[in-house]
């Protein structure tokens, strides 16, 4: 199936590691032009070099998206480089463990880290998204629906991302801009591996315990499977899909636990 991404321009935040990297690779595989916006300079430059050598058109914007000026710069540089914006994938963030016990300042910092740039980028990109009748994909988390424990800030930010998905889908109907969200659950990324290795005396046993509770295939979802859903949602092939929460998780969140 031709997803009709060729020569269209997509911004991916946090697009050089984990799920973001998989999304970036899939966009260029489908012929899209890519802008990676992240603070991870070395990883981003290495990925961009690899993709360019394979023939992709890639622009990078290195900066901290917690800074409002950095978000505005992402949009300015994208338009200067490619003259259009066809979609935004809001992906950057981290489960930082800002729990109730850690207090109000940690909570506020977590919201700033994980939420504000989702709004800021779309705000600055809005005239260009209207011109292209583009698409927005917000990468949220199953934590928004299930909770996890000891991560109030991240959970609140991820829940707010779902609320913004529905709000923007409604607000942008007259402009034919589609807005959807993806909710990953258990996906083995570098951050997930770091969490396992730093949090448990026996990371392998903990991983096996988690995998045993994933109904479909008794395995974790791959970053590539999240990316496949993402590029479909960006694509005109999903042209009548908006305001949806797509849970790509092998049934982990919703299927009866007796199945495991």
C-alpha atoms as a PDB file:
ATOM      1  CA  UNK A   1       0.000   0.000   0.000  1.00  0.00           C
ATOM      2  CA  UNK A   2       1.290   3.423  -0.959  1.00  0.00           C
ATOM      3  CA  UNK A   3       0.844   5.601   2.129  1.00  0.00           C
ATOM      4  CA  UNK A   4       1.249   8.758   0.021  1.00  0.00           C
ATOM      5  CA  UNK A   5       3.900  10.302   2.273  1.00  0.00           C
ATOM      6  CA  UNK A   6       6.347  10.965  -0.545  1.00  0.00           C
ATOM      7  CA  UNK A   7       7.822  14.492  -0.438  1.00  0.00           C
ATOM      8  CA  UNK A   8       5.624  15.487   2.482  1.00  0.00           C
ATOM      9  CA  UNK A   9       7.282  17.082   5.506  1.00  0.00           C
ATOM     10  CA  UNK A  10       7.003  15.665   9.005  1.00  0.00           C
ATOM     11  CA  UNK A  11       8.426  16.836  12.324  1.00  0.00           C
ATOM     12  CA  UNK A  12       9.216  14.163  14.902  1.00  0.00           C
ATOM     13  CA  UNK A  13      10.172  15.276  18.396  1.00  0.00           C
ATOM     14  CA  UNK A  14      12.535  12.967  20.223  1.00  0.00           C
ATOM     15  CA  UNK A  15      13.015  11.407  16.815  1.00  0.00           C
ATOM     16  CA  UNK A  16      16.472   9.877  17.202  1.00  0.00           C
ATOM     17  CA  UNK A  17      15.985   7.276  19.926  1.00  0.00           C
ATOM     18  CA  UNK A  18      13.548   4.499  20.774  1.00  0.00           C
ATOM     19  CA  UNK A  19      10.033   4.873  19.405  1.00  0.00           C
ATOM     20  CA  UNK A  20      10.901   8.256  17.896  1.00  0.00           C
ATOM     21  CA  UNK A  21      13.783   6.759  15.929  1.00  0.00           C
ATOM     22  CA  UNK A  22      11.545   3.999  14.586  1.00  0.00           C
ATOM     23  CA  UNK A  23       8.993   6.615  13.481  1.00  0.00           C
ATOM     24  CA  UNK A  24      11.703   8.698  11.802  1.00  0.00           C
ATOM     25  CA  UNK A  25      13.007   5.691   9.905  1.00  0.00           C
ATOM     26  CA  UNK A  26       9.541   4.709   8.743  1.00  0.00           C
ATOM     27  CA  UNK A  27       8.733   8.222   7.513  1.00  0.00           C
ATOM     28  CA  UNK A  28      11.800   8.349   5.283  1.00  0.00           C
ATOM     29  CA  UNK A  29      11.208   4.755   4.174  1.00  0.00           C
ATOM     30  CA  UNK A  30       7.850   5.972   2.853  1.00  0.00           C
ATOM     31  CA  UNK A  31       9.513   8.869   1.029  1.00  0.00           C
ATOM     32  CA  UNK A  32       8.729  11.626   3.498  1.00  0.00           C
ATOM     33  CA  UNK A  33      10.995  14.542   4.336  1.00  0.00           C
ATOM     34  CA  UNK A  34      11.997  14.485   7.978  1.00  0.00           C
ATOM     35  CA  UNK A  35      12.727  17.044  10.676  1.00  0.00           C
ATOM     36  CA  UNK A  36      14.073  15.627  13.936  1.00  0.00           C
ATOM     37  CA  UNK A  37      13.652  17.956  16.912  1.00  0.00           C
ATOM     38  CA  UNK A  38      15.460  16.846  20.047  1.00  0.00           C
ATOM     39  CA  UNK A  39      18.111  17.723  22.586  1.00  0.00           C
ATOM     40  CA  UNK A  40      20.057  14.502  21.920  1.00  0.00           C
ATOM     41  CA  UNK A  41      22.763  15.968  19.694  1.00  0.00           C
ATOM     42  CA  UNK A  42      25.072  12.988  19.113  1.00  0.00           C
ATOM     43  CA  UNK A  43      22.359  10.402  18.492  1.00  0.00           C
ATOM     44  CA  UNK A  44      20.484  12.790  16.204  1.00  0.00           C
ATOM     45  CA  UNK A  45      23.501  13.692  14.106  1.00  0.00           C
ATOM     46  CA  UNK A  46      24.449  10.017  13.725  1.00  0.00           C
ATOM     47  CA  UNK A  47      20.939   9.028  12.612  1.00  0.00           C
ATOM     48  CA  UNK A  48      20.616  11.999  10.258  1.00  0.00           C
ATOM     49  CA  UNK A  49      23.962  11.145   8.638  1.00  0.00           C
ATOM     50  CA  UNK A  50      22.878   7.535   8.100  1.00  0.00           C
ATOM     51  CA  UNK A  51      19.530   8.510   6.601  1.00  0.00           C
ATOM     52  CA  UNK A  52      21.031  11.169   4.333  1.00  0.00           C
ATOM     53  CA  UNK A  53      23.604   8.719   3.017  1.00  0.00           C
ATOM     54  CA  UNK A  54      20.669   6.470   2.082  1.00  0.00           C
ATOM     55  CA  UNK A  55      19.107   9.305   0.100  1.00  0.00           C
ATOM     56  CA  UNK A  56      16.664  10.802   2.606  1.00  0.00           C
ATOM     57  CA  UNK A  57      16.068  14.518   3.089  1.00  0.00           C
ATOM     58  CA  UNK A  58      16.596  15.173   6.794  1.00  0.00           C
ATOM     59  CA  UNK A  59      16.907  18.360   8.820  1.00  0.00           C
ATOM     60  CA  UNK A  60      17.768  18.424  12.517  1.00  0.00           C
ATOM     61  CA  UNK A  61      16.965  21.007  15.169  1.00  0.00           C
ATOM     62  CA  UNK A  62      18.889  20.511  18.395  1.00  0.00           C
ATOM     63  CA  UNK A  63      17.432  22.184  21.464  1.00  0.00           C
ATOM     64  CA  UNK A  64      15.450  21.733  24.642  1.00  0.00           C
ATOM     65  CA  UNK A  65      11.750  21.771  23.769  1.00  0.00           C
ATOM     66  CA  UNK A  66      10.961  22.956  27.298  1.00  0.00           C
ATOM     67  CA  UNK A  67      12.184  26.301  25.967  1.00  0.00           C
ATOM     68  CA  UNK A  68       9.382  28.086  24.111  1.00  0.00           C
ATOM     69  CA  UNK A  69      11.874  29.726  21.760  1.00  0.00           C
ATOM     70  CA  UNK A  70      13.229  26.307  20.785  1.00  0.00           C
ATOM     71  CA  UNK A  71       9.739  25.178  19.769  1.00  0.00           C
ATOM     72  CA  UNK A  72       9.275  28.261  17.624  1.00  0.00           C
ATOM     73  CA  UNK A  73      12.693  27.679  16.062  1.00  0.00           C
ATOM     74  CA  UNK A  74      11.717  24.124  15.066  1.00  0.00           C
ATOM     75  CA  UNK A  75       8.845  25.493  13.002  1.00  0.00           C
ATOM     76  CA  UNK A  76      10.862  28.358  11.541  1.00  0.00           C
ATOM     77  CA  UNK A  77      13.704  26.072  10.450  1.00  0.00           C
ATOM     78  CA  UNK A  78      11.329  23.474   9.020  1.00  0.00           C
ATOM     79  CA  UNK A  79       9.618  26.056   6.828  1.00  0.00           C
ATOM     80  CA  UNK A  80      12.936  27.619   5.826  1.00  0.00           C
ATOM     81  CA  UNK A  81      14.298  24.207   4.812  1.00  0.00           C
ATOM     82  CA  UNK A  82      11.242  22.582   3.209  1.00  0.00           C
ATOM     83  CA  UNK A  83       8.657  25.383   2.752  1.00  0.00           C
ATOM     84  CA  UNK A  84       5.799  23.352   4.243  1.00  0.00           C
ATOM     85  CA  UNK A  85       4.665  21.197   7.168  1.00  0.00           C
ATOM     86  CA  UNK A  86       2.394  18.214   6.561  1.00  0.00           C
ATOM     87  CA  UNK A  87       2.434  16.677  10.002  1.00  0.00           C
ATOM     88  CA  UNK A  88       3.783  16.690  13.531  1.00  0.00           C
ATOM     89  CA  UNK A  89       4.556  13.687  15.706  1.00  0.00           C
ATOM     90  CA  UNK A  90       4.682  14.834  19.320  1.00  0.00           C
ATOM     91  CA  UNK A  91       6.784  12.125  20.918  1.00  0.00           C
ATOM     92  CA  UNK A  92       9.503  13.581  23.158  1.00  0.00           C
ATOM     93  CA  UNK A  93       9.230  12.949  26.882  1.00  0.00           C
ATOM     94  CA  UNK A  94      10.307  10.713  29.720  1.00  0.00           C
ATOM     95  CA  UNK A  95       8.710   8.845  32.592  1.00  0.00           C
ATOM     96  CA  UNK A  96      10.561  10.742  35.288  1.00  0.00           C
ATOM     97  CA  UNK A  97       8.967   9.251  38.405  1.00  0.00           C
ATOM     98  CA  UNK A  98       7.572  12.520  39.755  1.00  0.00           C
ATOM     99  CA  UNK A  99       5.452  10.923  42.485  1.00  0.00           C
ATOM    100  CA  UNK A 100       3.258  12.414  45.185  1.00  0.00           C
ATOM    101  CA  UNK A 101       6.115  12.005  47.629  1.00  0.00           C
ATOM    102  CA  UNK A 102       8.480  14.040  45.467  1.00  0.00           C
ATOM    103  CA  UNK A 103       6.315  17.101  45.853  1.00  0.00           C
ATOM    104  CA  UNK A 104       4.873  20.073  43.949  1.00  0.00           C
ATOM    105  CA  UNK A 105       8.062  21.275  42.278  1.00  0.00           C
ATOM    106  CA  UNK A 106       8.844  17.852  40.800  1.00  0.00           C
ATOM    107  CA  UNK A 107       5.249  17.575  39.599  1.00  0.00           C
ATOM    108  CA  UNK A 108       5.385  20.951  37.880  1.00  0.00           C
ATOM    109  CA  UNK A 109       8.728  20.142  36.287  1.00  0.00           C
ATOM    110  CA  UNK A 110       7.343  16.844  34.976  1.00  0.00           C
ATOM    111  CA  UNK A 111       4.359  18.562  33.374  1.00  0.00           C
ATOM    112  CA  UNK A 112       6.675  21.067  31.711  1.00  0.00           C
ATOM    113  CA  UNK A 113       8.966  18.286  30.486  1.00  0.00           C
ATOM    114  CA  UNK A 114       6.233  16.065  29.076  1.00  0.00           C
ATOM    115  CA  UNK A 115       3.306  18.272  28.062  1.00  0.00           C
ATOM    116  CA  UNK A 116       3.870  21.907  27.217  1.00  0.00           C
ATOM    117  CA  UNK A 117       5.893  21.375  24.034  1.00  0.00           C
ATOM    118  CA  UNK A 118       3.056  19.280  22.560  1.00  0.00           C
ATOM    119  CA  UNK A 119       0.912  22.418  22.612  1.00  0.00           C
ATOM    120  CA  UNK A 120       3.677  24.858  21.727  1.00  0.00           C
ATOM    121  CA  UNK A 121       4.796  23.118  18.531  1.00  0.00           C
ATOM    122  CA  UNK A 122       1.263  22.736  17.209  1.00  0.00           C
ATOM    123  CA  UNK A 123       0.520  26.379  18.027  1.00  0.00           C
ATOM    124  CA  UNK A 124       3.468  27.643  15.994  1.00  0.00           C
ATOM    125  CA  UNK A 125       2.857  25.147  13.181  1.00  0.00           C
ATOM    126  CA  UNK A 126      -0.863  25.794  12.871  1.00  0.00           C
ATOM    127  CA  UNK A 127      -0.848  28.104   9.814  1.00  0.00           C
ATOM    128  CA  UNK A 128       1.240  25.570   7.887  1.00  0.00           C
ATOM    129  CA  UNK A 129      -0.861  22.594   8.994  1.00  0.00           C
ATOM    130  CA  UNK A 130      -3.973  24.456   7.871  1.00  0.00           C
ATOM    131  CA  UNK A 131      -2.385  25.110   4.484  1.00  0.00           C
ATOM    132  CA  UNK A 132      -1.495  21.439   4.004  1.00  0.00           C
ATOM    133  CA  UNK A 133      -4.577  19.989   5.723  1.00  0.00           C
ATOM    134  CA  UNK A 134      -2.038  18.069   7.728  1.00  0.00           C
ATOM    135  CA  UNK A 135      -2.067  15.540  10.530  1.00  0.00           C
ATOM    136  CA  UNK A 136      -0.976  15.443  14.161  1.00  0.00           C
ATOM    137  CA  UNK A 137      -0.062  12.314  16.108  1.00  0.00           C
ATOM    138  CA  UNK A 138       0.401  12.615  19.859  1.00  0.00           C
ATOM    139  CA  UNK A 139       2.376   9.771  21.406  1.00  0.00           C
ATOM    140  CA  UNK A 140       0.813   9.282  24.842  1.00  0.00           C
ATOM    141  CA  UNK A 141       1.062   6.169  27.050  1.00  0.00           C
ATOM    142  CA  UNK A 142      -1.061   3.419  28.542  1.00  0.00           C
ATOM    143  CA  UNK A 143      -0.220   5.097  31.873  1.00  0.00           C
ATOM    144  CA  UNK A 144      -2.824   7.742  30.967  1.00  0.00           C
ATOM    145  CA  UNK A 145      -5.509   5.050  31.240  1.00  0.00           C
ATOM    146  CA  UNK A 146      -4.127   2.559  33.739  1.00  0.00           C
ATOM    147  CA  UNK A 147      -1.855   4.493  36.059  1.00  0.00           C
ATOM    148  CA  UNK A 148       1.453   2.963  37.064  1.00  0.00           C
ATOM    149  CA  UNK A 149       2.282   4.139  40.555  1.00  0.00           C
ATOM    150  CA  UNK A 150       4.866   6.703  41.648  1.00  0.00           C
ATOM    151  CA  UNK A 151       4.702   8.807  38.494  1.00  0.00           C
ATOM    152  CA  UNK A 152       1.996  11.437  39.009  1.00  0.00           C
ATOM    153  CA  UNK A 153       3.557  14.044  36.736  1.00  0.00           C
ATOM    154  CA  UNK A 154       4.013  11.714  33.768  1.00  0.00           C
ATOM    155  CA  UNK A 155       0.539  10.235  34.197  1.00  0.00           C
ATOM    156  CA  UNK A 156      -1.038  13.686  34.337  1.00  0.00           C
ATOM    157  CA  UNK A 157       0.862  14.854  31.256  1.00  0.00           C
ATOM    158  CA  UNK A 158      -0.045  11.733  29.277  1.00  0.00           C
ATOM    159  CA  UNK A 159      -3.703  12.092  30.238  1.00  0.00           C
ATOM    160  CA  UNK A 160      -3.631  15.724  29.180  1.00  0.00           C
ATOM    161  CA  UNK A 161      -2.197  14.686  25.815  1.00  0.00           C
ATOM    162  CA  UNK A 162      -5.276  12.534  25.253  1.00  0.00           C
ATOM    163  CA  UNK A 163      -7.527  15.435  26.189  1.00  0.00           C
ATOM    164  CA  UNK A 164      -5.687  17.692  23.745  1.00  0.00           C
ATOM    165  CA  UNK A 165      -6.039  15.047  21.043  1.00  0.00           C
ATOM    166  CA  UNK A 166      -9.825  15.140  21.330  1.00  0.00           C
ATOM    167  CA  UNK A 167      -9.934  18.912  21.739  1.00  0.00           C
ATOM    168  CA  UNK A 168      -7.749  19.581  18.707  1.00  0.00           C
ATOM    169  CA  UNK A 169      -9.618  17.012  16.626  1.00  0.00           C
ATOM    170  CA  UNK A 170     -12.803  18.967  17.362  1.00  0.00           C
ATOM    171  CA  UNK A 171     -11.270  22.421  16.984  1.00  0.00           C
ATOM    172  CA  UNK A 172      -9.527  21.644  13.705  1.00  0.00           C
ATOM    173  CA  UNK A 173     -12.385  19.917  11.904  1.00  0.00           C
ATOM    174  CA  UNK A 174     -13.080  22.999   9.736  1.00  0.00           C
ATOM    175  CA  UNK A 175      -9.436  22.921   8.607  1.00  0.00           C
ATOM    176  CA  UNK A 176      -9.463  19.186   7.749  1.00  0.00           C
ATOM    177  CA  UNK A 177      -6.560  18.590  10.147  1.00  0.00           C
ATOM    178  CA  UNK A 178      -6.717  15.121  11.659  1.00  0.00           C
ATOM    179  CA  UNK A 179      -5.479  14.546  15.218  1.00  0.00           C
ATOM    180  CA  UNK A 180      -4.948  11.132  16.784  1.00  0.00           C
ATOM    181  CA  UNK A 181      -2.997   9.573  19.630  1.00  0.00           C
ATOM    182  CA  UNK A 182      -1.010   6.371  20.083  1.00  0.00           C
ATOM    183  CA  UNK A 183      -0.727   4.779  23.518  1.00  0.00           C
ATOM    184  CA  UNK A 184       2.306   2.474  23.746  1.00  0.00           C
ATOM    185  CA  UNK A 185       2.392   0.036  26.647  1.00  0.00           C
ATOM    186  CA  UNK A 186       5.357  -2.322  26.997  1.00  0.00           C
ATOM    187  CA  UNK A 187       7.900  -1.419  24.289  1.00  0.00           C
ATOM    188  CA  UNK A 188      11.579  -2.267  24.671  1.00  0.00           C
ATOM    189  CA  UNK A 189      13.405   1.019  24.111  1.00  0.00           C
ATOM    190  CA  UNK A 190      16.741   2.228  25.519  1.00  0.00           C
ATOM    191  CA  UNK A 191      14.839   4.094  28.266  1.00  0.00           C
ATOM    192  CA  UNK A 192      12.801   0.998  29.106  1.00  0.00           C
ATOM    193  CA  UNK A 193      15.973  -1.096  29.284  1.00  0.00           C
ATOM    194  CA  UNK A 194      17.576   1.515  31.541  1.00  0.00           C
ATOM    195  CA  UNK A 195      14.523   1.404  33.838  1.00  0.00           C
ATOM    196  CA  UNK A 196      14.665  -2.385  34.088  1.00  0.00           C
ATOM    197  CA  UNK A 197      18.398  -2.516  34.683  1.00  0.00           C
ATOM    198  CA  UNK A 198      18.432   0.262  37.285  1.00  0.00           C
ATOM    199  CA  UNK A 199      15.263  -0.610  39.192  1.00  0.00           C
ATOM    200  CA  UNK A 200      15.409  -4.364  39.823  1.00  0.00           C
ATOM    201  CA  UNK A 201      17.936  -6.764  41.289  1.00  0.00           C
ATOM    202  CA  UNK A 202      17.014  -9.299  38.597  1.00  0.00           C
ATOM    203  CA  UNK A 203      16.042  -7.342  35.452  1.00  0.00           C
ATOM    204  CA  UNK A 204      15.658 -10.500  33.368  1.00  0.00           C
ATOM    205  CA  UNK A 205      13.157 -11.970  35.821  1.00  0.00           C
ATOM    206  CA  UNK A 206      11.175  -8.725  35.896  1.00  0.00           C
ATOM    207  CA  UNK A 207      11.134  -8.589  32.099  1.00  0.00           C
ATOM    208  CA  UNK A 208       9.891 -12.184  31.945  1.00  0.00           C
ATOM    209  CA  UNK A 209       7.149 -11.345  34.443  1.00  0.00           C
ATOM    210  CA  UNK A 210       5.982  -8.409  32.307  1.00  0.00           C
ATOM    211  CA  UNK A 211       6.097 -10.349  29.054  1.00  0.00           C
ATOM    212  CA  UNK A 212       4.071 -13.190  30.573  1.00  0.00           C
ATOM    213  CA  UNK A 213       1.181 -10.751  31.028  1.00  0.00           C
ATOM    214  CA  UNK A 214       1.072  -9.575  27.401  1.00  0.00           C
ATOM    215  CA  UNK A 215      -1.727 -11.648  25.823  1.00  0.00           C
ATOM    216  CA  UNK A 216      -0.804 -11.589  22.130  1.00  0.00           C
ATOM    217  CA  UNK A 217       2.360 -13.577  21.522  1.00  0.00           C
ATOM    218  CA  UNK A 218       3.730 -13.209  25.052  1.00  0.00           C
ATOM    219  CA  UNK A 219       6.126 -10.553  23.797  1.00  0.00           C
ATOM    220  CA  UNK A 220       6.680  -6.841  23.991  1.00  0.00           C
ATOM    221  CA  UNK A 221       5.442  -4.548  21.259  1.00  0.00           C
ATOM    222  CA  UNK A 222       8.247  -3.413  18.971  1.00  0.00           C
ATOM    223  CA  UNK A 223       9.057   0.223  18.309  1.00  0.00           C
ATOM    224  CA  UNK A 224       8.540  -0.555  14.628  1.00  0.00           C
ATOM    225  CA  UNK A 225       4.946  -1.621  15.292  1.00  0.00           C
ATOM    226  CA  UNK A 226       4.281   1.728  16.971  1.00  0.00           C
ATOM    227  CA  UNK A 227       5.934   3.464  13.998  1.00  0.00           C
ATOM    228  CA  UNK A 228       3.767   1.561  11.517  1.00  0.00           C
ATOM    229  CA  UNK A 229       0.637   2.817  13.248  1.00  0.00           C
ATOM    230  CA  UNK A 230       2.044   6.325  13.391  1.00  0.00           C
ATOM    231  CA  UNK A 231       2.802   6.627   9.681  1.00  0.00           C
ATOM    232  CA  UNK A 232      -0.623   5.222   8.853  1.00  0.00           C
ATOM    233  CA  UNK A 233      -2.237   7.916  11.004  1.00  0.00           C
ATOM    234  CA  UNK A 234      -0.118  10.563   9.258  1.00  0.00           C
ATOM    235  CA  UNK A 235      -1.097   9.179   5.875  1.00  0.00           C
ATOM    236  CA  UNK A 236      -4.047  10.211   3.702  1.00  0.00           C
ATOM    237  CA  UNK A 237      -4.880   6.487   3.766  1.00  0.00           C
ATOM    238  CA  UNK A 238      -6.344   7.142   7.221  1.00  0.00           C
ATOM    239  CA  UNK A 239      -8.144  10.197   5.887  1.00  0.00           C
ATOM    240  CA  UNK A 240     -11.367   9.714   7.877  1.00  0.00           C
ATOM    241  CA  UNK A 241      -9.760   8.909  11.236  1.00  0.00           C
ATOM    242  CA  UNK A 242      -9.557  11.663  13.832  1.00  0.00           C
ATOM    243  CA  UNK A 243      -9.846  12.012  17.597  1.00  0.00           C
ATOM    244  CA  UNK A 244      -8.883   8.371  18.136  1.00  0.00           C
ATOM    245  CA  UNK A 245      -6.713   6.681  20.762  1.00  0.00           C
ATOM    246  CA  UNK A 246      -4.828   3.794  19.137  1.00  0.00           C
ATOM    247  CA  UNK A 247      -3.538   1.237  21.636  1.00  0.00           C
ATOM    248  CA  UNK A 248      -0.878  -0.950  20.025  1.00  0.00           C
ATOM    249  CA  UNK A 249      -0.037  -3.294  22.865  1.00  0.00           C
ATOM    250  CA  UNK A 250      -0.890  -6.929  22.110  1.00  0.00           C
ATOM    251  CA  UNK A 251      -4.030  -6.635  24.222  1.00  0.00           C
ATOM    252  CA  UNK A 252      -2.097  -5.714  27.366  1.00  0.00           C
ATOM    253  CA  UNK A 253      -4.393  -2.928  28.556  1.00  0.00           C
ATOM    254  CA  UNK A 254      -7.849  -4.162  27.653  1.00  0.00           C
ATOM    255  CA  UNK A 255      -7.992  -7.935  27.441  1.00  0.00           C
ATOM    256  CA  UNK A 256      -9.066 -10.011  30.420  1.00  0.00           C
ATOM    257  CA  UNK A 257      -6.112 -10.833  32.671  1.00  0.00           C
ATOM    258  CA  UNK A 258      -7.325 -14.429  32.873  1.00  0.00           C
ATOM    259  CA  UNK A 259      -5.998 -14.803  29.325  1.00  0.00           C
ATOM    260  CA  UNK A 260      -2.493 -14.516  30.692  1.00  0.00           C
END
